[in-house]
Amino acid sequence: MSGKRKLFLLAVVVIVLVVLASLASRLFLRAASSGDGAVVLTGDYRLDAAAPESIFVIADTAELTADSRVQSDAALVGRSLVTVAGQVDGDLTVMGSDIIMSPSARVTGEVAIIGTRVTLAGQLEGEVFIIADTLNVLPQTVLGQTVTACATTITDERTASPSVLQCSEEDRAALASLRDGSFFTEAVRTARFSTGELVFSLLTTLVLAAFSGLIVSIFPRSFSYMTEAVYTLPRRMAGVGLLTFLLIPAVAALLVLALALLPPLGLLLLLAVALLGLAFLILLAAGWMTMSLIVGEALLIRLNQRSSPPLMTIIVGSIILFGLSTLISFLPYGPLVTLGFGFLLGSVGLGAALVTRLGTRPPTRRYFVQA
C-alpha cells in the first residue's frame, strides 16, 4: 500500500475521531507503567517473610503473619477474611468482610480500613481511618495519632488516649449509600440521558474500536515504537505530552494578538496554526490508540497469560476505554472525571507519538558497531 493511501486512511480516521471527540474520553496506565511492587491475584494469600517492595493483593483470604514484614506500602483486598499480624513499613490499605489487626501488628504509616467487622489491635503509628459496621478496639492497641471511624457500633476497650473519633451522621449515611448501592442507583436515576443516546454511544464505541484496529493493522511497526516508548519511559512521555497541551493556550493567545495588531501576519499565522492543529489531532489520535493498545494488552495478558494479536488487543482496549468513559460521562460530574482521566492518558499517548515522531523511530537510540 502506497504512503499517500496510508496517510489518506489515517486522515479519514482522524476526522471521524474529531467529530465524535465528545465520546472519546478515556484508565489505566498504572499497571503498564509501574515498575515496583507486585500485584497478586489468588485464592488464599499468606506472607510469612520479608517483602522488599510494596504489595497489592486481591484474594479470598489474605494474611500477613507475625513473621512477615513489608518494607513499603501494602494493599490487601480479601473477599472474606484479612488478617494483619506482621509489620508494614509504610501505609496500609485493607478491604474485606472480616478484618483483624492482631496485637503483634505494627504499621509505621497511615492505615485505611473498609470492612464489615473490624478488630483493631497492634501498634499503629500513623493516622487511622475506618469504615465498618462494627469496630472493636482491643486493649492491646497502641495509637500514635487519631483514629476516625464511620461505624454503626464502636467498642473501645482501651483506657489510654487518643480516643476514637466518630464521623458525623451525614457521613455515615453517605458511606452507607455507597456500600448498599443506593448512591449509584440514585445517580443513574438522576442522570440526564435517554436509551437512544446510550445505544448511539455504544454503537459509536464499536465503530471507533474497529477504526483503531484498522489503523494498527496498517501501521504495526509505528505503534510498536509508541507502545515501547510508554513502557520504557512513561514519565518522560507524560511530561512531553503535558507540555504540549500547555502550549495550546500560548499559541492561541499569540494568534489573537497577531490578528489584533497585524491582521495580514495574523492571517498567515492562522493558516500555519490550522496545519499545526491538524498535525496535533493526528498525534493525539495516535496517542489514544497507543493507550488503547496498552490497556487491551494488559487485560488480555491477565486473562490468557500470553500475548494476543495487536488487532484484537486494540479493539478490546478501545472498547474498554471508550465504553467506560461514555458510561461515566452520563453520571453527575462524570464529564469532569472523564475529562481529567482522558487528559492524563492523552498526555502520555501524545508524548509517545511526539517522541517517536508518530512511530517512525524507536524511543531510544540504537547503535550498530561494525566489526
Protein backbone atom coordinates (compact mmCIF):
# COMPACT_ATOMS: atom_id res chain seq x y z
CA MET A 1 0.00 0.00 0.00
CA SER A 2 1.42 3.41 -1.02
CA GLY A 3 2.33 6.08 1.51
CA LYS A 4 -0.30 8.51 0.19
CA ARG A 5 -3.03 5.89 0.63
CA LYS A 6 -1.91 5.21 4.18
CA LEU A 7 -1.99 8.92 5.00
CA PHE A 8 -5.43 9.21 3.43
CA LEU A 9 -6.78 6.36 5.57
CA LEU A 10 -5.22 7.90 8.66
CA ALA A 11 -6.77 11.29 7.85
CA VAL A 12 -10.21 9.68 7.48
CA VAL A 13 -9.91 8.08 10.90
CA VAL A 14 -8.76 11.34 12.47
CA ILE A 15 -11.77 13.18 11.04
CA VAL A 16 -14.11 10.55 12.49
CA LEU A 17 -12.40 10.81 15.86
CA VAL A 18 -12.68 14.60 15.84
CA VAL A 19 -16.39 14.51 15.01
CA LEU A 20 -17.02 12.10 17.86
CA ALA A 21 -14.45 13.55 20.25
CA SER A 22 -17.04 14.20 22.95
CA LEU A 23 -17.41 10.44 23.31
CA ALA A 24 -13.71 9.65 23.17
CA SER A 25 -12.64 10.37 26.74
CA ARG A 26 -10.67 7.52 28.36
CA LEU A 27 -7.75 4.49 32.76
CA PHE A 28 -5.35 2.59 33.27
CA LEU A 29 -1.72 3.31 32.86
CA ARG A 30 -0.55 2.41 36.29
CA ALA A 31 -0.39 -1.32 35.60
CA ALA A 32 1.54 -0.64 32.43
CA SER A 33 3.99 1.95 33.79
CA SER A 34 4.57 0.89 37.38
CA GLY A 35 7.90 -0.76 37.79
CA ASP A 36 7.91 -1.51 41.51
CA GLY A 37 5.65 -3.55 43.68
CA ALA A 38 3.81 -6.80 42.99
CA VAL A 39 0.18 -7.46 42.14
CA VAL A 40 -1.09 -10.84 43.35
CA LEU A 41 -4.39 -12.41 42.31
CA THR A 42 -5.02 -15.68 44.15
CA GLY A 43 -7.45 -17.65 46.26
CA ASP A 44 -5.63 -17.66 49.61
CA TYR A 45 -2.65 -15.41 50.25
CA ARG A 46 -0.16 -15.81 53.10
CA LEU A 47 3.05 -13.85 53.68
CA ASP A 48 5.45 -15.10 56.35
CA ALA A 49 8.71 -13.48 55.24
CA ALA A 50 10.11 -10.09 54.24
CA ALA A 51 8.80 -8.35 51.14
CA PRO A 52 11.27 -5.68 49.95
CA GLU A 53 8.71 -3.96 47.72
CA SER A 54 5.14 -2.79 48.03
CA ILE A 55 2.43 -5.43 47.59
CA PHE A 56 -1.09 -5.35 46.24
CA VAL A 57 -3.12 -8.49 46.98
CA ILE A 58 -6.60 -9.47 45.82
CA ALA A 59 -7.66 -12.80 47.30
CA ASP A 60 -10.41 -14.72 49.08
CA THR A 61 -8.40 -14.63 52.30
CA ALA A 62 -5.21 -12.66 52.95
CA GLU A 63 -2.83 -12.94 55.90
CA LEU A 64 0.36 -11.19 56.95
CA THR A 65 1.78 -13.43 59.68
CA ALA A 66 3.77 -12.26 62.69
CA ASP A 67 7.00 -13.15 60.85
CA SER A 68 6.14 -11.02 57.81
CA ARG A 69 7.45 -7.56 57.05
CA VAL A 70 6.51 -5.39 54.08
CA GLN A 71 9.24 -2.82 53.60
CA SER A 72 6.93 -0.44 51.75
CA ASP A 73 3.19 0.15 51.32
CA ALA A 74 0.70 -2.73 51.40
CA ALA A 75 -2.84 -3.05 49.98
CA LEU A 76 -4.90 -6.12 50.87
CA VAL A 77 -8.32 -6.89 49.40
CA GLY A 78 -9.97 -10.03 50.80
CA ARG A 79 -13.45 -11.30 49.98
CA SER A 80 -13.93 -12.95 53.37
CA LEU A 81 -11.06 -12.55 55.85
CA VAL A 82 -7.98 -10.34 56.10
CA THR A 83 -5.53 -10.77 58.99
CA VAL A 84 -2.55 -8.49 59.65
CA ALA A 85 -0.10 -9.66 62.31
CA GLY A 86 3.23 -8.52 60.84
CA GLN A 87 4.99 -5.22 60.20
CA VAL A 88 4.33 -2.75 57.38
CA ASP A 89 6.95 -0.02 56.86
CA GLY A 90 4.56 2.27 55.05
CA ASP A 91 0.87 2.88 54.50
CA LEU A 92 -1.63 0.04 54.87
CA THR A 93 -4.92 -0.23 52.99
CA VAL A 94 -7.29 -3.11 53.79
CA MET A 95 -10.68 -4.03 52.35
CA GLY A 96 -12.71 -7.11 53.24
CA SER A 97 -15.61 -8.58 55.16
CA ASP A 98 -13.83 -9.55 58.41
CA ILE A 99 -10.62 -7.65 59.13
CA ILE A 100 -8.38 -8.45 62.09
CA MET A 101 -5.40 -6.36 63.15
CA SER A 102 -3.54 -8.63 65.60
CA PRO A 103 -1.71 -7.35 68.70
CA SER A 104 1.63 -8.17 67.03
CA ALA A 105 0.87 -5.92 64.05
CA ARG A 106 2.89 -2.74 63.52
CA VAL A 107 2.29 -0.11 60.85
CA THR A 108 4.53 2.94 60.54
CA GLY A 109 2.36 4.82 58.05
CA GLU A 110 -1.31 5.64 57.68
CA VAL A 111 -3.98 2.94 57.89
CA ALA A 112 -7.23 2.86 55.89
CA ILE A 113 -9.68 0.02 56.56
CA ILE A 114 -13.02 -0.69 54.89
CA GLY A 115 -14.91 -3.75 56.07
CA THR A 116 -17.96 -5.19 57.76
CA ARG A 117 -16.47 -6.34 61.06
CA VAL A 118 -13.13 -4.82 62.10
CA THR A 119 -10.98 -5.80 65.07
CA LEU A 120 -8.23 -3.31 65.82
CA ALA A 121 -5.03 -4.01 67.76
CA GLY A 122 -1.26 -3.63 67.45
CA GLN A 123 0.98 -0.59 67.18
CA LEU A 124 -0.35 1.92 64.63
CA GLU A 125 1.90 4.96 64.35
CA GLY A 126 0.05 6.95 61.69
CA GLU A 127 -3.49 8.21 61.28
CA VAL A 128 -6.20 5.55 61.06
CA PHE A 129 -9.45 5.81 59.12
CA ILE A 130 -12.03 3.04 59.36
CA ILE A 131 -15.36 2.37 57.63
CA ALA A 132 -17.26 -0.59 59.08
CA ASP A 133 -20.49 -1.88 60.56
CA THR A 134 -18.85 -2.89 63.84
CA LEU A 135 -15.49 -1.82 65.20
CA ASN A 136 -13.85 -3.42 68.23
CA VAL A 137 -10.67 -1.75 69.55
CA LEU A 138 -8.77 -4.20 71.75
CA PRO A 139 -6.78 -3.17 74.85
CA GLN A 140 -3.51 -4.11 73.09
CA THR A 141 -3.97 -1.26 70.63
CA VAL A 142 -1.30 1.46 70.72
CA LEU A 143 -2.19 4.50 68.65
CA GLY A 144 0.29 7.15 67.61
CA GLN A 145 -2.27 9.52 66.11
CA THR A 146 -6.02 9.94 65.84
CA VAL A 147 -8.49 7.28 64.72
CA THR A 148 -11.54 8.35 62.74
CA ALA A 149 -14.25 5.71 62.40
CA CYS A 150 -17.50 5.67 60.47
CA ALA A 151 -19.15 2.66 62.09
CA THR A 152 -22.59 1.79 63.40
CA THR A 153 -21.22 0.13 66.55
CA ILE A 154 -17.90 1.09 68.16
CA THR A 155 -16.46 -0.73 71.18
CA ASP A 156 -13.25 0.75 72.58
CA GLU A 157 -11.71 -1.45 75.28
CA ARG A 158 -8.72 0.84 75.81
CA THR A 159 -8.30 3.30 78.62
CA ALA A 160 -5.45 5.31 77.11
CA SER A 161 -5.75 8.22 74.71
CA PRO A 162 -6.31 9.14 71.96
CA SER A 163 -9.96 8.23 71.78
CA VAL A 164 -11.73 7.08 68.64
CA LEU A 165 -13.37 9.96 66.78
CA GLN A 166 -16.72 9.20 65.17
CA CYS A 167 -17.71 10.73 61.87
CA SER A 168 -20.93 12.68 61.51
CA GLU A 169 -24.33 11.14 60.87
CA GLU A 170 -24.37 12.62 57.37
CA ASP A 171 -21.04 10.97 56.55
CA ARG A 172 -22.26 7.61 57.83
CA ALA A 173 -25.41 7.88 55.73
CA ALA A 174 -23.39 8.77 52.63
CA LEU A 175 -21.00 5.86 53.16
CA ALA A 176 -23.91 3.51 53.75
CA SER A 177 -25.40 4.55 50.39
CA LEU A 178 -22.10 3.69 48.72
CA ARG A 179 -21.99 0.26 50.32
CA ASP A 180 -25.58 -0.78 49.60
CA GLY A 181 -25.54 0.66 46.07
CA SER A 182 -28.28 3.25 46.56
CA PHE A 183 -25.86 6.05 45.65
CA PHE A 184 -25.26 4.60 42.19
CA THR A 185 -28.96 3.85 41.74
CA GLU A 186 -29.80 7.46 42.52
CA ALA A 187 -27.01 8.72 40.28
CA VAL A 188 -28.26 6.69 37.34
CA ARG A 189 -31.87 7.73 38.06
CA THR A 190 -30.98 11.41 38.05
CA ALA A 191 -28.57 11.22 35.13
CA ARG A 192 -29.73 13.03 32.01
CA PHE A 193 -29.58 10.51 29.21
CA SER A 194 -32.05 8.55 27.13
CA THR A 195 -31.97 4.98 25.88
CA GLY A 196 -31.34 6.27 22.37
CA GLU A 197 -28.29 8.23 23.48
CA LEU A 198 -26.92 5.20 25.29
CA VAL A 199 -27.40 2.93 22.25
CA PHE A 200 -25.80 5.54 19.98
CA SER A 201 -22.81 5.83 22.33
CA LEU A 202 -22.33 2.06 22.45
CA LEU A 203 -22.50 1.82 18.66
CA THR A 204 -20.03 4.68 18.38
CA THR A 205 -17.70 2.83 20.74
CA LEU A 206 -17.75 -0.23 18.47
CA VAL A 207 -17.14 1.89 15.36
CA LEU A 208 -14.17 3.70 16.93
CA ALA A 209 -12.74 0.40 18.14
CA ALA A 210 -12.99 -1.02 14.62
CA PHE A 211 -11.25 2.06 13.16
CA SER A 212 -8.48 1.77 15.74
CA GLY A 213 -7.98 -1.88 14.83
CA LEU A 214 -7.75 -0.93 11.15
CA ILE A 215 -5.08 1.68 11.74
CA VAL A 216 -2.96 -0.62 13.93
CA SER A 217 -3.09 -3.33 11.26
CA ILE A 218 -1.83 -0.80 8.69
CA PHE A 219 0.96 0.68 10.85
CA PRO A 220 2.08 -2.15 13.17
CA ARG A 221 5.71 -1.01 13.46
CA SER A 222 4.75 2.57 14.27
CA PHE A 223 2.50 1.53 17.16
CA SER A 224 5.17 -0.90 18.33
CA TYR A 225 7.58 2.03 18.75
CA MET A 226 4.97 4.16 20.51
CA THR A 227 3.97 1.43 22.98
CA GLU A 228 7.67 0.76 23.63
CA ALA A 229 8.07 4.45 24.49
CA VAL A 230 5.24 4.30 27.05
CA TYR A 231 6.55 1.12 28.66
CA THR A 232 10.18 2.25 28.89
CA LEU A 233 9.82 6.00 29.55
CA PRO A 234 6.31 6.66 30.95
CA ARG A 235 7.23 9.75 32.97
CA ARG A 236 9.07 11.35 30.09
CA MET A 237 6.14 10.69 27.76
CA ALA A 238 3.70 12.22 30.24
CA GLY A 239 5.91 15.29 30.65
CA VAL A 240 6.28 15.85 26.91
CA GLY A 241 2.54 15.44 26.37
CA LEU A 242 1.66 17.76 29.24
CA LEU A 243 3.99 20.50 27.95
CA THR A 244 2.44 20.14 24.51
CA PHE A 245 -1.04 20.62 25.95
CA LEU A 246 0.17 23.70 27.82
CA LEU A 247 1.46 25.20 24.58
CA ILE A 248 -2.06 25.33 23.13
CA PRO A 249 -3.25 28.37 25.20
CA ALA A 250 0.02 30.15 24.45
CA VAL A 251 -0.32 29.62 20.69
CA ALA A 252 -3.97 30.71 20.81
CA ALA A 253 -3.06 33.90 22.68
CA LEU A 254 -0.26 34.65 20.19
CA LEU A 255 -2.66 34.19 17.29
CA VAL A 256 -5.26 36.53 18.79
CA LEU A 257 -2.58 39.14 19.46
CA ALA A 258 -1.26 38.89 15.90
CA LEU A 259 -4.74 39.23 14.41
CA ALA A 260 -5.38 42.34 16.53
CA LEU A 261 -2.06 44.10 15.88
CA LEU A 262 -1.03 42.86 12.42
CA PRO A 263 -4.02 41.43 10.53
CA PRO A 264 -2.03 40.30 7.43
CA LEU A 265 0.51 38.47 9.59
CA GLY A 266 -2.32 37.09 11.69
CA LEU A 267 -3.98 35.57 8.63
CA LEU A 268 -0.73 33.85 7.66
CA LEU A 269 -0.32 32.58 11.19
CA LEU A 270 -3.92 31.38 11.12
CA LEU A 271 -3.12 29.09 8.21
CA ALA A 272 0.00 27.84 9.97
CA VAL A 273 -1.93 27.22 13.19
CA ALA A 274 -4.59 25.31 11.24
CA LEU A 275 -1.92 23.00 9.81
CA LEU A 276 -0.34 22.59 13.23
CA GLY A 277 -3.78 21.84 14.67
CA LEU A 278 -4.32 19.08 12.13
CA ALA A 279 -0.92 17.60 12.98
CA PHE A 280 -1.77 17.84 16.68
CA LEU A 281 -5.05 15.96 16.16
CA ILE A 282 -3.26 13.22 14.24
CA LEU A 283 -0.68 12.86 17.02
CA LEU A 284 -3.41 12.90 19.67
CA ALA A 285 -5.42 10.21 17.85
CA ALA A 286 -2.31 8.04 17.53
CA GLY A 287 -1.64 8.54 21.24
CA TRP A 288 -5.17 7.45 22.17
CA MET A 289 -4.79 4.32 20.03
CA THR A 290 -1.47 3.58 21.69
CA MET A 291 -3.05 3.77 25.15
CA SER A 292 -5.92 1.54 23.97
CA LEU A 293 -3.34 -0.97 22.78
CA ILE A 294 -1.61 -0.94 26.18
CA VAL A 295 -4.87 -1.30 28.12
CA GLY A 296 -6.05 -4.15 25.91
CA GLU A 297 -2.71 -5.93 26.19
CA ALA A 298 -2.68 -5.62 29.99
CA LEU A 299 -6.18 -7.09 30.24
CA LEU A 300 -5.70 -9.92 27.75
CA ILE A 301 -2.42 -10.99 29.34
CA ARG A 302 -4.22 -11.16 32.70
CA LEU A 303 -6.90 -13.36 31.19
CA ASN A 304 -4.89 -15.51 28.77
CA GLN A 305 -1.43 -15.34 30.37
CA ARG A 306 0.01 -14.71 26.89
CA SER A 307 0.14 -12.01 24.24
CA SER A 308 -2.71 -11.63 21.73
CA PRO A 309 -2.69 -10.27 18.16
CA PRO A 310 -2.47 -6.45 18.03
CA LEU A 311 -5.77 -6.22 16.15
CA MET A 312 -7.67 -8.00 18.93
CA THR A 313 -5.69 -6.17 21.60
CA ILE A 314 -6.51 -2.65 20.45
CA ILE A 315 -10.18 -3.49 19.81
CA VAL A 316 -10.54 -4.77 23.37
CA GLY A 317 -8.66 -1.78 24.81
CA SER A 318 -10.69 0.71 22.75
CA ILE A 319 -13.98 -0.83 23.81
CA ILE A 320 -12.94 -0.66 27.47
CA LEU A 321 -11.74 2.95 27.36
CA PHE A 322 -14.46 4.34 25.08
CA GLY A 323 -17.25 2.40 26.75
CA LEU A 324 -16.18 3.12 30.32
CA SER A 325 -15.68 6.83 29.70
CA THR A 326 -19.02 7.08 27.89
CA LEU A 327 -20.93 5.41 30.70
CA ILE A 328 -19.20 7.53 33.35
CA SER A 329 -19.92 10.71 31.42
CA PHE A 330 -23.67 10.12 31.86
CA LEU A 331 -23.38 10.30 35.66
CA PRO A 332 -23.34 13.53 37.68
CA TYR A 333 -19.86 15.10 37.46
CA GLY A 334 -18.97 12.25 35.11
CA PRO A 335 -17.76 14.54 32.30
CA LEU A 336 -15.27 16.17 34.66
CA VAL A 337 -13.95 12.78 35.74
CA THR A 338 -13.59 11.52 32.18
CA LEU A 339 -12.01 14.81 31.11
CA GLY A 340 -9.35 14.63 33.81
CA PHE A 341 -8.66 10.96 33.23
CA GLY A 342 -8.59 11.45 29.48
CA PHE A 343 -6.18 14.36 29.89
CA LEU A 344 -3.82 12.15 31.90
CA LEU A 345 -3.82 9.28 29.43
CA GLY A 346 -3.85 11.68 26.49
CA SER A 347 -0.68 13.36 27.77
CA VAL A 348 1.17 10.05 27.90
CA GLY A 349 -0.04 8.92 24.48
CA LEU A 350 0.66 12.31 22.90
CA GLY A 351 4.16 12.32 24.35
CA ALA A 352 4.84 8.87 22.88
CA ALA A 353 3.63 10.00 19.46
CA LEU A 354 5.82 13.11 19.58
CA VAL A 355 8.99 11.46 20.86
CA THR A 356 8.80 8.66 18.28
CA ARG A 357 7.71 11.10 15.55
CA LEU A 358 4.44 9.27 15.03
CA GLY A 359 6.13 5.91 15.36
CA THR A 360 8.76 6.46 12.69
CA ARG A 361 11.72 5.93 15.02
CA PRO A 362 12.36 3.99 18.25
CA PRO A 363 12.13 5.89 21.56
CA THR A 364 15.77 5.22 22.42
CA ARG A 365 18.78 5.42 20.16
CA ARG A 366 20.20 2.15 18.93
CA TYR A 367 23.76 1.82 17.76
CA PHE A 368 25.30 -0.75 15.43
CA VAL A 369 29.01 -1.35 15.69
CA GLN A 370 30.54 -2.97 12.65
CA ALA A 371 33.47 -5.23 13.30
